[in-house]
Amino acid sequence: MTADPPPRQAVILAGGQGSRLRPYTDDRPKPMVEIPGTGTPIIGHQLAWLAEEGVTDAVVSCGHLAEVLKDWLDSADLPLNVTTVVEKEPLGRGGGLKYAARHLPHADRPWYATNGDIWTRFSLRDMAAFHAERDATATLALARPRIPWGAVETDAFGHITDFIEAPPSPYLINAGVYVFSSSFTALLPDLGDHERTTFPRLAREKRLAGFPLPQGAYWRAIDTAKDLTEAAKELAAQRR
């Protein structure tokens, strides 16, 4: 049996209000916020990354200030084909994902999805191969972010033995990037949250896989102004 080729289509969930990024999101949706020093909004970096990974078609699910995002997509020189969709009424995370997926050009083929506020670089092709090897219905990228506070280590008697600045979290988290088999779309709720319904069901059935981001892969969720500042510093460091 020949393995499916890596997906060439993707959904970007770009409908969030980005309330924690105000005032940047007062006049634009979160994916349209620029990472300082790049001159390009977050979604521009995402589309470039998807194209580098072989994606030819993307569906962008819009919401908050959708017209601002659509106007930029219409005027930008994009590296792939982009379709925009707007929910007529709130469908929840799962329902919105299903609605967007129905606009993909190939319903019978696998697809990627990513949240519109993720700034990352790693091999999606490797993730797709991992997904196929495990015969998964859905695969989540998993990150291990740094804890934003300093940690304290103690011995059994309660003596402090060390201070560790911003250590890696002991837990893996959902990194907001996914590979889905074609059959996954039908499992999504028409209304509601797939992370409370579809994902737990697939986990019980051993059809949900987790792909740890490779050592050294860059990943950051852009949720606050501090995240923007940190992303700009990290990008500048990479360029030096």
C-alpha atoms as a PDB file:
ATOM      1  CA  MET A   1       0.000   0.000   0.000  1.00  0.00           C
ATOM      2  CA  THR A   2       1.492   3.331  -1.119  1.00  0.00           C
ATOM      3  CA  ALA A   3       1.577   6.078   1.522  1.00  0.00           C
ATOM      4  CA  ASP A   4      -0.256   9.295   0.794  1.00  0.00           C
ATOM      5  CA  PRO A   5       1.983  12.181  -0.312  1.00  0.00           C
ATOM      6  CA  PRO A   6       2.341  15.096   2.149  1.00  0.00           C
ATOM      7  CA  PRO A   7      -0.688  17.406   2.193  1.00  0.00           C
ATOM      8  CA  ARG A   8      -0.761  20.226  -0.324  1.00  0.00           C
ATOM      9  CA  GLN A   9      -3.702  22.039   1.255  1.00  0.00           C
ATOM     10  CA  ALA A  10      -4.180  23.776   4.593  1.00  0.00           C
ATOM     11  CA  VAL A  11      -6.590  25.720   6.782  1.00  0.00           C
ATOM     12  CA  ILE A  12      -5.507  28.772   8.791  1.00  0.00           C
ATOM     13  CA  LEU A  13      -7.820  29.697  11.668  1.00  0.00           C
ATOM     14  CA  ALA A  14      -7.606  33.482  11.718  1.00  0.00           C
ATOM     15  CA  GLY A  15     -10.855  34.575  13.373  1.00  0.00           C
ATOM     16  CA  GLY A  16      -9.759  35.339  16.938  1.00  0.00           C
ATOM     17  CA  GLN A  17     -10.255  38.790  18.453  1.00  0.00           C
ATOM     18  CA  GLY A  18      -6.819  38.970  20.044  1.00  0.00           C
ATOM     19  CA  SER A  19      -8.030  40.918  23.088  1.00  0.00           C
ATOM     20  CA  ARG A  20      -4.727  40.385  24.936  1.00  0.00           C
ATOM     21  CA  LEU A  21      -2.852  42.021  22.031  1.00  0.00           C
ATOM     22  CA  ARG A  22      -4.671  45.328  22.243  1.00  0.00           C
ATOM     23  CA  PRO A  23      -4.078  48.061  21.130  1.00  0.00           C
ATOM     24  CA  TYR A  24      -2.467  46.254  18.161  1.00  0.00           C
ATOM     25  CA  THR A  25      -5.749  44.459  17.431  1.00  0.00           C
ATOM     26  CA  ASP A  26      -8.026  47.504  17.758  1.00  0.00           C
ATOM     27  CA  ASP A  27      -7.953  47.998  13.979  1.00  0.00           C
ATOM     28  CA  ARG A  28      -6.813  44.601  12.682  1.00  0.00           C
ATOM     29  CA  PRO A  29      -7.257  40.897  13.444  1.00  0.00           C
ATOM     30  CA  LYS A  30      -4.478  39.165  15.358  1.00  0.00           C
ATOM     31  CA  PRO A  31      -2.943  37.430  12.289  1.00  0.00           C
ATOM     32  CA  MET A  32      -2.511  40.870  10.693  1.00  0.00           C
ATOM     33  CA  VAL A  33      -0.267  42.130  13.506  1.00  0.00           C
ATOM     34  CA  GLU A  34       3.302  42.595  12.273  1.00  0.00           C
ATOM     35  CA  ILE A  35       6.296  41.092  14.026  1.00  0.00           C
ATOM     36  CA  PRO A  36       8.540  44.143  14.586  1.00  0.00           C
ATOM     37  CA  GLY A  37      11.412  44.379  12.156  1.00  0.00           C
ATOM     38  CA  THR A  38       9.880  42.134   9.484  1.00  0.00           C
ATOM     39  CA  GLY A  39       7.322  44.399   7.810  1.00  0.00           C
ATOM     40  CA  THR A  40       5.111  41.336   7.347  1.00  0.00           C
ATOM     41  CA  PRO A  41       2.055  40.253   9.354  1.00  0.00           C
ATOM     42  CA  ILE A  42       2.011  36.932  11.156  1.00  0.00           C
ATOM     43  CA  ILE A  43      -0.184  35.356   8.484  1.00  0.00           C
ATOM     44  CA  GLY A  44       2.276  36.394   5.782  1.00  0.00           C
ATOM     45  CA  HIS A  45       5.004  34.412   7.515  1.00  0.00           C
ATOM     46  CA  GLN A  46       2.625  31.462   7.875  1.00  0.00           C
ATOM     47  CA  LEU A  47       1.687  31.426   4.192  1.00  0.00           C
ATOM     48  CA  ALA A  48       5.355  31.612   3.178  1.00  0.00           C
ATOM     49  CA  TRP A  49       6.153  28.677   5.491  1.00  0.00           C
ATOM     50  CA  LEU A  50       3.261  26.592   4.140  1.00  0.00           C
ATOM     51  CA  ALA A  51       4.362  27.258   0.562  1.00  0.00           C
ATOM     52  CA  GLU A  52       7.954  26.243   1.432  1.00  0.00           C
ATOM     53  CA  GLU A  53       6.508  22.977   2.766  1.00  0.00           C
ATOM     54  CA  GLY A  54       4.736  22.170  -0.498  1.00  0.00           C
ATOM     55  CA  VAL A  55       1.260  23.587   0.194  1.00  0.00           C
ATOM     56  CA  THR A  56      -0.410  25.020  -2.901  1.00  0.00           C
ATOM     57  CA  ASP A  57      -3.889  25.893  -1.542  1.00  0.00           C
ATOM     58  CA  ALA A  58      -4.919  27.471   1.758  1.00  0.00           C
ATOM     59  CA  VAL A  59      -8.301  28.365   3.225  1.00  0.00           C
ATOM     60  CA  VAL A  60      -8.199  31.262   5.680  1.00  0.00           C
ATOM     61  CA  SER A  61     -11.083  31.304   8.151  1.00  0.00           C
ATOM     62  CA  CYS A  62     -11.745  34.962   9.038  1.00  0.00           C
ATOM     63  CA  GLY A  63     -13.757  36.513  11.853  1.00  0.00           C
ATOM     64  CA  HIS A  64     -12.834  39.650  13.813  1.00  0.00           C
ATOM     65  CA  LEU A  65     -12.255  42.552  11.355  1.00  0.00           C
ATOM     66  CA  ALA A  66     -12.368  40.084   8.480  1.00  0.00           C
ATOM     67  CA  GLU A  67     -12.348  42.790   5.804  1.00  0.00           C
ATOM     68  CA  VAL A  68      -8.914  44.039   6.917  1.00  0.00           C
ATOM     69  CA  LEU A  69      -7.474  40.543   6.495  1.00  0.00           C
ATOM     70  CA  LYS A  70      -9.267  39.912   3.207  1.00  0.00           C
ATOM     71  CA  ASP A  71      -8.080  43.232   1.773  1.00  0.00           C
ATOM     72  CA  TRP A  72      -4.469  42.391   2.611  1.00  0.00           C
ATOM     73  CA  LEU A  73      -4.746  38.907   1.118  1.00  0.00           C
ATOM     74  CA  ASP A  74      -6.275  40.345  -2.059  1.00  0.00           C
ATOM     75  CA  SER A  75      -3.465  42.876  -2.494  1.00  0.00           C
ATOM     76  CA  ALA A  76      -0.459  40.808  -1.375  1.00  0.00           C
ATOM     77  CA  ASP A  77       1.803  38.815  -3.680  1.00  0.00           C
ATOM     78  CA  LEU A  78       1.090  35.419  -2.183  1.00  0.00           C
ATOM     79  CA  PRO A  79       3.109  32.224  -2.795  1.00  0.00           C
ATOM     80  CA  LEU A  80       0.012  29.971  -2.992  1.00  0.00           C
ATOM     81  CA  ASN A  81      -3.705  30.032  -3.758  1.00  0.00           C
ATOM     82  CA  VAL A  82      -5.799  31.468  -0.915  1.00  0.00           C
ATOM     83  CA  THR A  83      -9.555  31.259  -0.324  1.00  0.00           C
ATOM     84  CA  THR A  84     -11.183  33.212   2.518  1.00  0.00           C
ATOM     85  CA  VAL A  85     -14.314  32.151   4.378  1.00  0.00           C
ATOM     86  CA  VAL A  86     -16.329  33.909   7.084  1.00  0.00           C
ATOM     87  CA  GLU A  87     -18.747  32.126   9.404  1.00  0.00           C
ATOM     88  CA  LYS A  88     -22.259  33.564   9.071  1.00  0.00           C
ATOM     89  CA  GLU A  89     -22.788  32.784  12.747  1.00  0.00           C
ATOM     90  CA  PRO A  90     -20.384  31.568  15.463  1.00  0.00           C
ATOM     91  CA  LEU A  91     -19.838  27.826  15.072  1.00  0.00           C
ATOM     92  CA  GLY A  92     -17.269  27.211  17.805  1.00  0.00           C
ATOM     93  CA  ARG A  93     -13.734  26.018  17.190  1.00  0.00           C
ATOM     94  CA  GLY A  94     -14.749  22.627  15.830  1.00  0.00           C
ATOM     95  CA  GLY A  95     -17.635  23.886  13.755  1.00  0.00           C
ATOM     96  CA  GLY A  96     -15.496  26.672  12.332  1.00  0.00           C
ATOM     97  CA  LEU A  97     -12.749  24.240  11.401  1.00  0.00           C
ATOM     98  CA  LYS A  98     -15.270  21.965   9.679  1.00  0.00           C
ATOM     99  CA  TYR A  99     -16.801  24.892   7.790  1.00  0.00           C
ATOM    100  CA  ALA A 100     -13.371  26.002   6.557  1.00  0.00           C
ATOM    101  CA  ALA A 101     -12.332  22.447   5.616  1.00  0.00           C
ATOM    102  CA  ARG A 102     -15.359  22.125   3.352  1.00  0.00           C
ATOM    103  CA  HIS A 103     -13.801  24.818   1.171  1.00  0.00           C
ATOM    104  CA  LEU A 104     -10.551  22.904   0.601  1.00  0.00           C
ATOM    105  CA  PRO A 105     -10.085  21.929  -3.061  1.00  0.00           C
ATOM    106  CA  HIS A 106      -9.595  18.189  -2.392  1.00  0.00           C
ATOM    107  CA  ALA A 107     -11.994  16.685   0.157  1.00  0.00           C
ATOM    108  CA  ASP A 108     -10.485  13.229  -0.338  1.00  0.00           C
ATOM    109  CA  ARG A 109      -6.925  14.218   0.587  1.00  0.00           C
ATOM    110  CA  PRO A 110      -5.169  14.990   3.902  1.00  0.00           C
ATOM    111  CA  TRP A 111      -4.667  18.565   5.042  1.00  0.00           C
ATOM    112  CA  TYR A 112      -2.771  20.732   7.474  1.00  0.00           C
ATOM    113  CA  ALA A 113      -4.278  23.266   9.854  1.00  0.00           C
ATOM    114  CA  THR A 114      -2.722  25.957  11.996  1.00  0.00           C
ATOM    115  CA  ASN A 115      -3.902  28.614  14.385  1.00  0.00           C
ATOM    116  CA  GLY A 116      -3.459  32.098  12.972  1.00  0.00           C
ATOM    117  CA  ASP A 117      -1.290  33.340  15.856  1.00  0.00           C
ATOM    118  CA  ILE A 118       1.499  30.753  15.659  1.00  0.00           C
ATOM    119  CA  TRP A 119       5.006  31.780  14.587  1.00  0.00           C
ATOM    120  CA  THR A 120       7.037  28.653  13.923  1.00  0.00           C
ATOM    121  CA  ARG A 121       9.411  26.875  11.582  1.00  0.00           C
ATOM    122  CA  PHE A 122       9.838  23.101  11.348  1.00  0.00           C
ATOM    123  CA  SER A 123       9.375  20.414   8.696  1.00  0.00           C
ATOM    124  CA  LEU A 124       5.702  19.814   7.999  1.00  0.00           C
ATOM    125  CA  ARG A 125       6.763  17.049   5.634  1.00  0.00           C
ATOM    126  CA  ASP A 126       8.370  15.210   8.547  1.00  0.00           C
ATOM    127  CA  MET A 127       5.209  15.716  10.586  1.00  0.00           C
ATOM    128  CA  ALA A 128       3.102  14.333   7.725  1.00  0.00           C
ATOM    129  CA  ALA A 129       5.375  11.268   7.500  1.00  0.00           C
ATOM    130  CA  PHE A 130       5.017  10.752  11.276  1.00  0.00           C
ATOM    131  CA  HIS A 131       1.214  10.999  10.871  1.00  0.00           C
ATOM    132  CA  ALA A 132       1.198   8.429   8.061  1.00  0.00           C
ATOM    133  CA  GLU A 133       3.523   5.990   9.865  1.00  0.00           C
ATOM    134  CA  ARG A 134       1.119   5.863  12.808  1.00  0.00           C
ATOM    135  CA  ASP A 135      -1.956   5.585  10.583  1.00  0.00           C
ATOM    136  CA  ALA A 136      -3.440   8.430  12.629  1.00  0.00           C
ATOM    137  CA  THR A 137      -6.648  10.268  11.848  1.00  0.00           C
ATOM    138  CA  ALA A 138      -5.257  13.444  13.411  1.00  0.00           C
ATOM    139  CA  THR A 139      -1.787  14.475  14.549  1.00  0.00           C
ATOM    140  CA  LEU A 140      -0.985  17.439  16.792  1.00  0.00           C
ATOM    141  CA  ALA A 141       2.374  19.201  16.884  1.00  0.00           C
ATOM    142  CA  LEU A 142       3.613  19.318  20.484  1.00  0.00           C
ATOM    143  CA  ALA A 143       5.817  22.074  21.927  1.00  0.00           C
ATOM    144  CA  ARG A 144       7.630  22.409  25.224  1.00  0.00           C
ATOM    145  CA  PRO A 145       7.585  26.146  25.953  1.00  0.00           C
ATOM    146  CA  ARG A 146       9.718  27.851  28.552  1.00  0.00           C
ATOM    147  CA  ILE A 147       8.073  28.777  31.834  1.00  0.00           C
ATOM    148  CA  PRO A 148       8.048  32.609  31.993  1.00  0.00           C
ATOM    149  CA  TRP A 149       9.257  32.675  35.628  1.00  0.00           C
ATOM    150  CA  GLY A 150      12.424  31.574  37.318  1.00  0.00           C
ATOM    151  CA  ALA A 151      12.205  28.168  39.005  1.00  0.00           C
ATOM    152  CA  VAL A 152      13.592  27.140  42.384  1.00  0.00           C
ATOM    153  CA  GLU A 153      14.992  23.697  43.179  1.00  0.00           C
ATOM    154  CA  THR A 154      15.048  22.365  46.744  1.00  0.00           C
ATOM    155  CA  ASP A 155      16.353  19.249  48.418  1.00  0.00           C
ATOM    156  CA  ALA A 156      14.283  16.832  50.520  1.00  0.00           C
ATOM    157  CA  PHE A 157      14.945  18.866  53.678  1.00  0.00           C
ATOM    158  CA  GLY A 158      13.747  22.143  52.121  1.00  0.00           C
ATOM    159  CA  HIS A 159      17.096  23.795  51.393  1.00  0.00           C
ATOM    160  CA  ILE A 160      17.170  25.778  48.165  1.00  0.00           C
ATOM    161  CA  THR A 161      19.806  24.207  45.931  1.00  0.00           C
ATOM    162  CA  ASP A 162      19.480  26.138  42.657  1.00  0.00           C
ATOM    163  CA  PHE A 163      17.722  28.886  40.703  1.00  0.00           C
ATOM    164  CA  ILE A 164      16.836  28.236  37.055  1.00  0.00           C
ATOM    165  CA  GLU A 165      15.829  31.140  34.815  1.00  0.00           C
ATOM    166  CA  ALA A 166      12.859  30.379  32.495  1.00  0.00           C
ATOM    167  CA  PRO A 167      13.251  26.581  32.447  1.00  0.00           C
ATOM    168  CA  PRO A 168      11.479  24.392  29.866  1.00  0.00           C
ATOM    169  CA  SER A 169       8.052  23.220  30.950  1.00  0.00           C
ATOM    170  CA  PRO A 170       7.911  19.599  32.155  1.00  0.00           C
ATOM    171  CA  TYR A 171       4.771  19.202  30.018  1.00  0.00           C
ATOM    172  CA  LEU A 172       4.235  19.149  26.274  1.00  0.00           C
ATOM    173  CA  ILE A 173       1.474  21.421  24.962  1.00  0.00           C
ATOM    174  CA  ASN A 174      -0.653  21.552  21.837  1.00  0.00           C
ATOM    175  CA  ALA A 175       1.405  23.733  19.472  1.00  0.00           C
ATOM    176  CA  GLY A 176      -1.568  24.704  17.295  1.00  0.00           C
ATOM    177  CA  VAL A 177      -0.353  22.952  14.113  1.00  0.00           C
ATOM    178  CA  TYR A 178      -2.066  19.810  12.821  1.00  0.00           C
ATOM    179  CA  VAL A 179      -2.125  17.103  10.150  1.00  0.00           C
ATOM    180  CA  PHE A 180      -5.548  15.649   9.418  1.00  0.00           C
ATOM    181  CA  SER A 181      -6.553  12.679   7.280  1.00  0.00           C
ATOM    182  CA  SER A 182      -9.390  13.269   4.839  1.00  0.00           C
ATOM    183  CA  SER A 183     -11.769  11.296   7.087  1.00  0.00           C
ATOM    184  CA  PHE A 184     -11.234  13.732   9.961  1.00  0.00           C
ATOM    185  CA  THR A 185     -13.546  16.417   8.532  1.00  0.00           C
ATOM    186  CA  ALA A 186     -16.654  14.269   8.942  1.00  0.00           C
ATOM    187  CA  LEU A 187     -15.800  13.665  12.614  1.00  0.00           C
ATOM    188  CA  LEU A 188     -15.851  17.370  13.472  1.00  0.00           C
ATOM    189  CA  PRO A 189     -18.962  18.818  15.151  1.00  0.00           C
ATOM    190  CA  ASP A 190     -21.129  21.175  13.117  1.00  0.00           C
ATOM    191  CA  LEU A 191     -21.284  23.365  16.206  1.00  0.00           C
ATOM    192  CA  GLY A 192     -18.985  23.283  19.210  1.00  0.00           C
ATOM    193  CA  ASP A 193     -15.420  22.511  20.251  1.00  0.00           C
ATOM    194  CA  HIS A 194     -13.609  19.559  18.669  1.00  0.00           C
ATOM    195  CA  GLU A 195     -11.037  19.567  21.487  1.00  0.00           C
ATOM    196  CA  ARG A 196     -13.808  18.515  23.868  1.00  0.00           C
ATOM    197  CA  THR A 197     -15.461  16.006  21.517  1.00  0.00           C
ATOM    198  CA  THR A 198     -13.508  14.773  18.493  1.00  0.00           C
ATOM    199  CA  PHE A 199      -9.999  14.774  19.947  1.00  0.00           C
ATOM    200  CA  PRO A 200     -10.912  12.855  23.148  1.00  0.00           C
ATOM    201  CA  ARG A 201     -12.798  10.276  21.058  1.00  0.00           C
ATOM    202  CA  LEU A 202      -9.816   9.779  18.747  1.00  0.00           C
ATOM    203  CA  ALA A 203      -7.470   9.540  21.748  1.00  0.00           C
ATOM    204  CA  ARG A 204      -9.580   6.746  23.250  1.00  0.00           C
ATOM    205  CA  GLU A 205      -9.460   4.928  19.913  1.00  0.00           C
ATOM    206  CA  LYS A 206      -5.654   5.399  19.579  1.00  0.00           C
ATOM    207  CA  ARG A 207      -6.130   7.394  16.398  1.00  0.00           C
ATOM    208  CA  LEU A 208      -4.704  10.680  17.729  1.00  0.00           C
ATOM    209  CA  ALA A 209      -0.939  11.160  17.477  1.00  0.00           C
ATOM    210  CA  GLY A 210       1.427  13.752  18.939  1.00  0.00           C
ATOM    211  CA  PHE A 211       4.466  14.975  16.986  1.00  0.00           C
ATOM    212  CA  PRO A 212       7.086  16.574  19.284  1.00  0.00           C
ATOM    213  CA  LEU A 213       8.716  19.550  17.618  1.00  0.00           C
ATOM    214  CA  PRO A 214      12.330  18.736  16.736  1.00  0.00           C
ATOM    215  CA  GLN A 215      15.090  19.911  19.063  1.00  0.00           C
ATOM    216  CA  GLY A 216      15.906  23.528  18.235  1.00  0.00           C
ATOM    217  CA  ALA A 217      12.772  24.165  16.163  1.00  0.00           C
ATOM    218  CA  TYR A 218      11.420  27.674  16.606  1.00  0.00           C
ATOM    219  CA  TRP A 219       7.903  28.027  18.032  1.00  0.00           C
ATOM    220  CA  ARG A 220       6.011  30.866  19.676  1.00  0.00           C
ATOM    221  CA  ALA A 221       2.330  31.690  20.132  1.00  0.00           C
ATOM    222  CA  ILE A 222       1.773  35.434  19.658  1.00  0.00           C
ATOM    223  CA  ASP A 223      -0.723  36.234  22.412  1.00  0.00           C
ATOM    224  CA  THR A 224       0.580  39.427  24.027  1.00  0.00           C
ATOM    225  CA  ALA A 225       2.689  42.498  23.263  1.00  0.00           C
ATOM    226  CA  LYS A 226       5.550  40.807  25.132  1.00  0.00           C
ATOM    227  CA  ASP A 227       5.356  37.863  22.707  1.00  0.00           C
ATOM    228  CA  LEU A 228       5.768  40.297  19.799  1.00  0.00           C
ATOM    229  CA  THR A 229       8.825  41.842  21.417  1.00  0.00           C
ATOM    230  CA  GLU A 230      10.369  38.453  22.201  1.00  0.00           C
ATOM    231  CA  ALA A 231       9.674  37.149  18.690  1.00  0.00           C
ATOM    232  CA  ALA A 232      11.400  40.205  17.192  1.00  0.00           C
ATOM    233  CA  LYS A 233      14.464  39.672  19.429  1.00  0.00           C
ATOM    234  CA  GLU A 234      14.637  35.980  18.557  1.00  0.00           C
ATOM    235  CA  LEU A 235      14.307  36.674  14.846  1.00  0.00           C
ATOM    236  CA  ALA A 236      17.061  39.285  14.997  1.00  0.00           C
ATOM    237  CA  ALA A 237      19.300  36.803  16.824  1.00  0.00           C
ATOM    238  CA  GLN A 238      18.686  34.184  14.135  1.00  0.00           C
ATOM    239  CA  ARG A 239      19.726  36.644  11.422  1.00  0.00           C
ATOM    240  CA  ARG A 240      23.045  37.499  13.082  1.00  0.00           C
END
